[in-house]
Amino acid sequence: IGSQLKPLTIEEAAELRAEAEAEINQAFDSRLEDIEELKKLVDDDFERSKKEMQIASDLRAKDQTNQLMGKIDQISNDFLSKNKALRDGTKLAAAADENMKGKGLDVGSWGSIAGKEVLTSSSSEWKALLGSVGSAQSSSDVVEAEGFEETVVPAEKNRILIVCDDQQDKSTKKVLDKFVDILSDTFDSDIEINKYSPTSSIPMGGDSAQCVILVASALNGQSSAQNLLGRILKRTAPIAGGKIGVPPSHLIVLSTQGTERTDKFPYSMQNLMGGNKLTKRREVEEAIITTVKARLEKRLNVPPMDYTVLKLGEVVDDDKALKGGDISLVSGDTLDGEVGVNAAANTLLQAVAYQPAARNATFSIAGGLTASYKTDDDLFWNSLFLKLDGPELLRMEKLIS
């Protein structure tokens, strides 16, 4: 066959080559179009996958948000339930007024509960521990217990019991050490101060102390506080003769700012990073408040008590604290900022011995005291604590030039 074919001319060979190149180019172009179409399909599929992933992520985030909001609602409901007694506290004042039945009042009391006058104002001549709401009760009460009479007698000397952990909370230790120094300088009579750690053998009945100072950071939440209260508020068994001591009647909680604001920065972060330490301190506060309120609301056959919750900022030297301003005192958990050692210790002294407005109250302090401050400046402290006997609607100072 090849011998019969005529050889291609130059023109025919060129034409054949051109046709071959055209066919090859057409095949490449078709393949390139397929590749481009495949790339477009891959891109479309990737974009669709991204959208699906975003939708799934949004759904997961929404589910987590719903769970978080549910937990917040549960915490809020639990908080309101636990604090019902505290929110109903204003009923106690009305009950005291109703119980007076036209009886005149001595200066320094606002009513009576179960026949006991309730002390609420101070005097510059008062130089002994106020003790409690029940400090207005008679010096001895005859009660019947288990078929025989026992005489409840007040403690023979002023005594304060402090529950703290000096190793764990060194800042509060500075405040307590300064408080002890100021206390001994202020009172002529000796006041016995006994310190115990939460894990030590704390005396039953609170060692007959009139006042107990509890450092919230030393206790591990509600159960720890309730166990401690059950011990220090228990009457000691009477010895032959029938006389028993009166358990402490004023409970002071030294706590920190932010325990009621764990949902707000920076306290939310402090609580999270600190193993819910602010939540646990708030539980200690609530345990004390609930115990005191229950004694009045349920009218238990036990002596009434007072509580004081004092919230401190970061404890620093007063010179440093003064950079943030002079000492401020505000009801509730509303202040932020550092507090001086001297300012905190003197405020604690006022709450223990001089300021009835600090009774059954929660307040926070910040700022410092100047070096020229005098401990016995009654006008200064009475004016500072007056806002707790509130609400304070308006304060005008220096009206007379």
Protein backbone atom coordinates (compact mmCIF):
# COMPACT_ATOMS: atom_id res chain seq x y z
CA ILE A 1 0.00 0.00 0.00
CA GLY A 2 2.84 2.29 0.83
CA SER A 3 4.40 1.74 -2.55
CA GLN A 4 1.19 2.74 -4.20
CA LEU A 5 0.84 6.00 -2.22
CA LYS A 6 2.32 9.00 -3.75
CA PRO A 7 4.69 10.98 -1.56
CA LEU A 8 3.19 14.08 0.10
CA THR A 9 4.06 17.33 -1.33
CA ILE A 10 5.42 20.06 0.92
CA GLU A 11 2.08 21.82 0.89
CA GLU A 12 0.15 18.64 1.78
CA ALA A 13 2.54 17.86 4.67
CA ALA A 14 2.16 21.37 6.03
CA GLU A 15 -1.62 21.14 5.79
CA LEU A 16 -1.64 17.76 7.58
CA ARG A 17 0.61 19.13 10.31
CA ALA A 18 -1.70 22.10 10.79
CA GLU A 19 -4.75 19.88 11.07
CA ALA A 20 -2.95 17.71 13.67
CA GLU A 21 -1.96 20.75 15.72
CA ALA A 22 -5.55 22.02 15.58
CA GLU A 23 -6.87 18.71 16.88
CA ILE A 24 -4.30 18.62 19.70
CA ASN A 25 -5.02 22.24 20.73
CA GLN A 26 -8.74 21.55 20.71
CA ALA A 27 -8.20 18.52 22.97
CA PHE A 28 -6.08 20.60 25.41
CA ASP A 29 -8.64 23.41 25.46
CA SER A 30 -11.41 20.97 26.25
CA ARG A 31 -9.36 19.45 29.09
CA LEU A 32 -8.53 22.88 30.51
CA GLU A 33 -12.22 23.74 30.55
CA ASP A 34 -12.92 20.53 32.49
CA ILE A 35 -10.20 21.44 34.99
CA GLU A 36 -11.59 24.97 35.47
CA GLU A 37 -15.09 23.59 35.98
CA LEU A 38 -13.73 21.11 38.54
CA LYS A 39 -11.94 23.95 40.39
CA LYS A 40 -15.20 25.92 40.50
CA LEU A 41 -17.02 22.91 41.92
CA VAL A 42 -14.34 22.49 44.61
CA ASP A 43 -14.52 26.19 45.53
CA ASP A 44 -18.31 26.08 45.75
CA ASP A 45 -18.15 22.98 47.94
CA PHE A 46 -15.56 24.63 50.22
CA GLU A 47 -17.70 27.75 50.67
CA ARG A 48 -20.74 25.61 51.41
CA SER A 49 -18.74 23.64 54.02
CA LYS A 50 -17.58 26.90 55.63
CA LYS A 51 -21.17 28.09 55.96
CA GLU A 52 -22.25 24.77 57.44
CA MET A 53 -19.37 24.89 59.95
CA GLN A 54 -20.28 28.47 60.92
CA ILE A 55 -23.94 27.51 61.42
CA ALA A 56 -22.88 24.55 63.58
CA SER A 57 -20.56 26.79 65.60
CA ASP A 58 -23.33 29.36 66.13
CA LEU A 59 -25.69 26.62 67.27
CA ARG A 60 -23.13 25.30 69.75
CA ALA A 61 -22.48 28.82 71.07
CA LYS A 62 -26.21 29.43 71.44
CA ASP A 63 -26.61 26.17 73.32
CA GLN A 64 -23.72 27.04 75.68
CA THR A 65 -25.22 30.50 76.22
CA ASN A 66 -28.59 28.99 77.10
CA GLN A 67 -26.92 26.63 79.56
CA LEU A 68 -24.97 29.50 81.14
CA MET A 69 -28.07 31.67 81.45
CA GLY A 70 -29.89 28.76 83.05
CA LYS A 71 -27.11 28.42 85.63
CA ILE A 72 -27.19 32.17 86.29
CA ASP A 73 -30.97 32.04 86.78
CA GLN A 74 -30.55 29.13 89.18
CA ILE A 75 -27.84 30.96 91.15
CA SER A 76 -30.02 34.10 91.28
CA ASN A 77 -33.03 32.14 92.52
CA ASP A 78 -30.91 30.36 95.15
CA PHE A 79 -29.45 33.69 96.25
CA LEU A 80 -32.86 35.30 96.63
CA SER A 81 -34.13 32.28 98.51
CA LYS A 82 -31.20 32.29 100.93
CA ASN A 83 -31.52 36.02 101.54
CA LYS A 84 -35.25 36.14 102.10
CA ALA A 85 -34.71 36.63 105.82
CA LEU A 86 -32.33 39.51 105.17
CA ARG A 87 -34.68 41.24 102.72
CA ASP A 88 -37.51 40.94 105.20
CA GLY A 89 -35.36 42.49 107.93
CA THR A 90 -37.25 45.79 107.95
CA LYS A 91 -40.21 43.96 109.52
CA LEU A 92 -38.17 43.64 112.70
CA ALA A 93 -38.18 47.38 113.30
CA ALA A 94 -41.96 47.51 113.00
CA ALA A 95 -42.27 44.58 115.39
CA ALA A 96 -40.06 46.37 117.92
CA ASP A 97 -42.14 49.56 117.69
CA GLU A 98 -45.35 47.58 118.11
CA ASN A 99 -43.98 45.85 121.19
CA MET A 100 -43.29 49.15 122.97
CA LYS A 101 -47.01 49.74 123.82
CA GLY A 102 -46.50 53.35 124.80
CA LYS A 103 -43.43 52.70 126.95
CA GLY A 104 -40.89 55.49 127.02
CA LEU A 105 -37.46 54.86 125.58
CA ASP A 106 -34.06 55.68 126.98
CA VAL A 107 -31.67 57.43 124.62
CA GLY A 108 -29.91 54.80 122.60
CA SER A 109 -32.73 52.36 121.85
CA TRP A 110 -35.34 52.04 119.14
CA GLY A 111 -37.72 49.41 120.44
CA SER A 112 -38.00 46.07 122.14
CA ILE A 113 -38.07 42.47 121.01
CA ALA A 114 -39.41 39.80 123.34
CA GLY A 115 -39.26 42.30 126.18
CA LYS A 116 -35.65 43.30 125.51
CA GLU A 117 -34.72 46.84 124.55
CA VAL A 118 -32.63 47.08 121.42
CA LEU A 119 -29.65 49.43 121.54
CA THR A 120 -28.96 51.44 118.40
CA SER A 121 -27.05 54.62 119.19
CA SER A 122 -23.73 55.44 120.81
CA SER A 123 -22.53 57.84 123.45
CA SER A 124 -19.15 59.50 123.77
CA GLU A 125 -19.12 58.40 127.40
CA TRP A 126 -19.50 54.71 126.46
CA LYS A 127 -16.22 53.00 127.25
CA ALA A 128 -17.14 49.31 127.25
CA LEU A 129 -17.96 46.79 124.55
CA LEU A 130 -21.51 47.18 123.31
CA GLY A 131 -21.81 43.41 123.18
CA SER A 132 -25.02 42.90 121.23
CA VAL A 133 -28.57 43.85 120.49
CA GLY A 134 -29.22 41.96 123.71
CA SER A 135 -26.74 44.04 125.69
CA ALA A 136 -29.72 46.07 126.89
CA GLN A 137 -31.09 43.00 128.60
CA SER A 138 -30.93 42.81 132.39
CA SER A 139 -27.67 41.68 133.89
CA SER A 140 -29.16 38.37 134.89
CA ASP A 141 -32.14 36.45 133.52
CA VAL A 142 -33.77 33.49 135.16
CA VAL A 143 -34.57 30.75 132.68
CA GLU A 144 -35.95 27.30 133.09
CA ALA A 145 -34.02 24.47 131.50
CA GLU A 146 -34.59 20.78 131.88
CA GLY A 147 -36.70 21.08 135.03
CA PHE A 148 -34.47 23.36 137.13
CA GLU A 149 -33.60 27.03 137.22
CA GLU A 150 -30.34 28.33 135.86
CA THR A 151 -29.07 31.86 136.21
CA VAL A 152 -27.54 33.25 133.04
CA VAL A 153 -24.77 35.59 134.12
CA PRO A 154 -22.79 37.97 131.95
CA ALA A 155 -19.08 37.44 131.48
CA GLU A 156 -16.95 38.81 134.29
CA LYS A 157 -14.60 40.57 131.86
CA ASN A 158 -14.63 41.88 128.34
CA ARG A 159 -13.38 39.29 125.91
CA ILE A 160 -13.06 39.11 122.11
CA LEU A 161 -12.56 35.87 120.19
CA ILE A 162 -10.94 36.01 116.75
CA VAL A 163 -11.06 33.16 114.22
CA CYS A 164 -8.44 33.68 111.51
CA ASP A 165 -5.66 32.03 109.55
CA ASP A 166 -2.60 34.26 109.78
CA GLN A 167 -0.60 32.10 107.37
CA GLN A 168 -3.24 32.16 104.64
CA ASP A 169 -4.31 35.82 104.85
CA LYS A 170 -1.36 37.98 105.87
CA SER A 171 -3.10 41.22 104.83
CA THR A 172 -5.93 40.68 107.30
CA LYS A 173 -3.35 39.73 109.94
CA LYS A 174 -1.89 43.23 109.64
CA VAL A 175 -5.35 44.72 110.23
CA LEU A 176 -6.02 42.49 113.26
CA ASP A 177 -2.61 43.20 114.80
CA LYS A 178 -3.20 46.94 114.43
CA PHE A 179 -6.71 46.53 115.85
CA VAL A 180 -5.36 44.80 118.97
CA ASP A 181 -2.85 47.63 119.49
CA ILE A 182 -5.50 50.34 119.13
CA LEU A 183 -7.90 48.47 121.38
CA SER A 184 -5.38 48.24 124.23
CA ASP A 185 -4.52 51.93 123.86
CA THR A 186 -8.18 53.02 123.79
CA PHE A 187 -9.62 51.19 126.80
CA ASP A 188 -8.39 51.60 130.33
CA SER A 189 -9.64 48.18 131.40
CA ASP A 190 -8.02 45.02 130.12
CA ILE A 191 -9.78 43.32 127.24
CA GLU A 192 -8.82 39.72 126.71
CA ILE A 193 -8.32 38.79 123.05
CA ASN A 194 -8.03 35.14 122.07
CA LYS A 195 -7.07 34.05 118.56
CA TYR A 196 -7.89 30.65 117.09
CA SER A 197 -7.43 29.06 113.70
CA PRO A 198 -10.49 27.39 112.13
CA THR A 199 -8.87 23.97 112.54
CA SER A 200 -7.98 24.42 116.22
CA SER A 201 -10.08 23.39 119.19
CA ILE A 202 -12.25 26.50 119.56
CA PRO A 203 -13.87 26.64 123.03
CA MET A 204 -17.51 25.64 123.24
CA GLY A 205 -19.69 28.68 123.80
CA GLY A 206 -17.10 31.02 122.32
CA ASP A 207 -15.10 31.17 125.55
CA SER A 208 -17.78 33.50 127.01
CA ALA A 209 -16.64 36.30 124.69
CA GLN A 210 -19.05 39.14 124.00
CA CYS A 211 -17.79 39.55 120.45
CA VAL A 212 -16.47 37.14 117.80
CA ILE A 213 -14.53 38.34 114.76
CA LEU A 214 -14.56 35.85 111.88
CA VAL A 215 -12.21 36.24 108.91
CA ALA A 216 -14.19 34.99 105.90
CA SER A 217 -11.08 33.85 104.01
CA ALA A 218 -10.26 31.44 106.86
CA LEU A 219 -13.49 29.47 106.41
CA ASN A 220 -14.40 27.16 103.55
CA GLY A 221 -17.89 28.28 102.66
CA GLN A 222 -21.31 27.79 104.23
CA SER A 223 -20.89 24.38 105.89
CA SER A 224 -17.64 25.43 107.54
CA ALA A 225 -19.25 28.60 108.90
CA GLN A 226 -22.33 26.74 110.17
CA ASN A 227 -20.21 24.15 111.96
CA LEU A 228 -18.21 26.91 113.63
CA LEU A 229 -21.35 28.80 114.66
CA GLY A 230 -22.85 25.65 116.10
CA ARG A 231 -19.84 25.41 118.39
CA ILE A 232 -19.31 28.98 119.53
CA LEU A 233 -23.04 29.71 120.05
CA LYS A 234 -23.68 26.61 122.14
CA ARG A 235 -24.18 27.17 125.84
CA THR A 236 -21.73 25.33 128.02
CA ALA A 237 -23.19 22.73 130.37
CA PRO A 238 -23.93 24.19 133.82
CA ILE A 239 -21.68 23.16 136.66
CA ALA A 240 -23.03 22.53 140.18
CA GLY A 241 -24.66 25.78 141.17
CA GLY A 242 -26.60 26.17 137.95
CA LYS A 243 -24.73 29.15 136.43
CA ILE A 244 -23.95 29.18 132.74
CA GLY A 245 -22.23 31.75 130.58
CA VAL A 246 -23.79 33.73 127.74
CA PRO A 247 -22.44 32.84 124.27
CA PRO A 248 -21.12 35.65 122.03
CA SER A 249 -23.82 38.07 120.97
CA HIS A 250 -22.02 40.12 118.31
CA LEU A 251 -20.64 38.38 115.21
CA ILE A 252 -18.34 40.38 112.92
CA VAL A 253 -17.30 39.08 109.52
CA LEU A 254 -14.13 40.54 108.00
CA SER A 255 -14.64 39.94 104.30
CA THR A 256 -13.54 41.42 100.99
CA GLN A 257 -15.03 43.65 98.33
CA GLY A 258 -16.75 41.95 95.41
CA THR A 259 -18.37 38.98 97.16
CA GLU A 260 -21.77 40.19 95.93
CA ARG A 261 -20.47 41.14 92.47
CA THR A 262 -18.97 37.91 91.18
CA ASP A 263 -20.77 38.48 87.88
CA LYS A 264 -18.80 41.67 87.21
CA PHE A 265 -15.18 42.22 86.19
CA PRO A 266 -12.63 42.09 87.85
CA TYR A 267 -14.34 40.10 90.60
CA SER A 268 -15.64 37.48 88.17
CA MET A 269 -12.06 36.78 87.08
CA GLN A 270 -10.80 36.77 90.69
CA ASN A 271 -13.51 34.30 91.62
CA LEU A 272 -12.79 32.07 88.63
CA MET A 273 -9.01 32.04 89.07
CA GLY A 274 -9.24 31.71 92.85
CA GLY A 275 -11.38 28.59 93.00
CA ASN A 276 -14.64 30.41 93.76
CA LYS A 277 -13.05 32.10 96.77
CA LEU A 278 -15.41 35.10 96.62
CA THR A 279 -18.43 32.81 96.42
CA LYS A 280 -17.25 30.92 99.51
CA ARG A 281 -16.72 34.16 101.43
CA ARG A 282 -20.21 35.28 100.48
CA GLU A 283 -21.55 31.98 101.83
CA VAL A 284 -19.83 32.72 105.14
CA GLU A 285 -21.45 36.16 105.23
CA GLU A 286 -24.88 34.69 104.48
CA ALA A 287 -24.48 32.00 107.15
CA ILE A 288 -23.82 34.65 109.82
CA ILE A 289 -26.65 36.93 108.65
CA THR A 290 -29.15 34.08 108.43
CA THR A 291 -28.26 32.82 111.90
CA VAL A 292 -28.80 36.25 113.46
CA LYS A 293 -32.04 36.92 111.58
CA ALA A 294 -33.43 33.51 112.44
CA ARG A 295 -33.09 34.21 116.15
CA LEU A 296 -35.28 37.28 115.84
CA GLU A 297 -37.77 36.08 113.26
CA LYS A 298 -38.43 32.70 114.85
CA ARG A 299 -38.36 34.23 118.35
CA LEU A 300 -36.20 31.41 119.62
CA ASN A 301 -35.71 31.12 123.37
CA VAL A 302 -32.09 32.26 123.03
CA PRO A 303 -30.39 35.64 123.54
CA PRO A 304 -30.58 37.91 120.48
CA MET A 305 -27.47 38.71 118.48
CA ASP A 306 -26.07 41.32 116.13
CA TYR A 307 -24.01 40.84 113.00
CA THR A 308 -21.64 43.17 111.17
CA VAL A 309 -20.17 42.43 107.73
CA LEU A 310 -17.15 44.62 106.97
CA LYS A 311 -15.78 44.36 103.43
CA LEU A 312 -12.20 45.49 102.81
CA GLY A 313 -10.37 46.29 99.61
CA GLU A 314 -6.73 45.33 99.09
CA VAL A 315 -4.95 46.13 102.37
CA VAL A 316 -1.96 48.46 101.93
CA ASP A 317 -0.13 51.13 103.93
CA ASP A 318 -2.26 54.19 104.62
CA ASP A 319 0.12 56.48 102.71
CA LYS A 320 -0.49 54.43 99.57
CA ALA A 321 -4.22 54.12 100.22
CA LEU A 322 -4.53 57.90 100.62
CA LYS A 323 -3.56 58.31 96.96
CA GLY A 324 -7.05 57.00 96.23
CA GLY A 325 -8.60 59.48 98.69
CA ASP A 326 -9.56 59.70 102.35
CA ILE A 327 -11.43 56.85 103.96
CA SER A 328 -14.87 56.14 102.45
CA LEU A 329 -17.61 54.05 104.01
CA VAL A 330 -20.65 52.96 101.99
CA SER A 331 -23.46 50.56 102.76
CA GLY A 332 -23.39 47.24 100.92
CA ASP A 333 -20.78 45.87 98.54
CA THR A 334 -20.33 48.95 96.37
CA LEU A 335 -16.79 50.31 96.87
CA ASP A 336 -13.65 49.40 94.97
CA GLY A 337 -10.07 50.24 95.79
CA GLU A 338 -7.32 49.86 98.35
CA VAL A 339 -7.74 50.41 102.09
CA GLY A 340 -5.09 51.40 104.60
CA VAL A 341 -4.16 49.18 107.54
CA ASN A 342 -4.84 51.95 110.05
CA ALA A 343 -8.15 52.85 108.38
CA ALA A 344 -9.35 49.23 108.41
CA ALA A 345 -8.29 48.62 112.02
CA ASN A 346 -9.96 51.80 113.33
CA THR A 347 -13.16 51.03 111.42
CA LEU A 348 -13.17 47.57 113.00
CA LEU A 349 -12.72 49.16 116.45
CA GLN A 350 -15.69 51.44 115.84
CA ALA A 351 -17.85 48.52 114.70
CA VAL A 352 -16.91 46.49 117.77
CA ALA A 353 -17.26 49.10 120.50
CA TYR A 354 -18.76 52.43 119.47
CA GLN A 355 -21.09 52.44 116.46
CA PRO A 356 -24.54 50.83 116.88
CA ALA A 357 -25.26 51.86 113.27
CA ALA A 358 -22.76 49.15 112.29
CA ARG A 359 -25.01 46.53 113.92
CA ASN A 360 -26.98 44.33 111.54
CA ALA A 361 -25.38 46.08 108.61
CA THR A 362 -23.12 45.26 105.67
CA PHE A 363 -20.72 47.95 104.49
CA SER A 364 -17.45 48.37 102.62
CA ILE A 365 -14.55 50.76 103.13
CA ALA A 366 -11.70 52.10 101.00
CA GLY A 367 -9.07 54.82 101.33
CA GLY A 368 -6.78 55.72 104.20
CA LEU A 369 -6.36 57.79 107.36
CA THR A 370 -3.92 60.67 107.68
CA ALA A 371 -1.08 60.49 110.19
CA SER A 372 -2.72 63.28 112.24
CA TYR A 373 -5.89 61.24 112.79
CA LYS A 374 -6.99 60.79 116.41
CA THR A 375 -8.68 57.56 117.54
CA ASP A 376 -11.15 59.37 119.81
CA ASP A 377 -12.52 61.67 117.10
CA ASP A 378 -16.18 60.88 117.84
CA LEU A 379 -17.58 63.50 115.47
CA PHE A 380 -15.62 62.10 112.53
CA TRP A 381 -16.69 58.49 113.09
CA ASN A 382 -20.29 59.27 114.01
CA SER A 383 -20.62 61.27 110.80
CA LEU A 384 -19.03 58.47 108.77
CA PHE A 385 -21.27 55.72 110.18
CA LEU A 386 -24.41 57.85 110.11
CA LYS A 387 -25.10 56.86 106.51
CA LEU A 388 -25.66 53.26 107.65
CA ASP A 389 -28.64 54.45 109.73
CA GLY A 390 -30.30 55.34 106.46
CA PRO A 391 -30.98 55.53 103.73
CA GLU A 392 -29.07 58.81 103.54
CA LEU A 393 -30.83 60.98 100.95
CA LEU A 394 -28.85 64.21 101.23
CA ARG A 395 -25.83 65.47 103.17
CA MET A 396 -24.90 69.16 103.36
CA GLU A 397 -21.72 70.18 105.13
CA LYS A 398 -20.09 73.49 106.06
CA LEU A 399 -23.27 75.53 105.79
CA ILE A 400 -21.85 78.04 108.28
CA SER A 401 -18.67 79.76 107.19
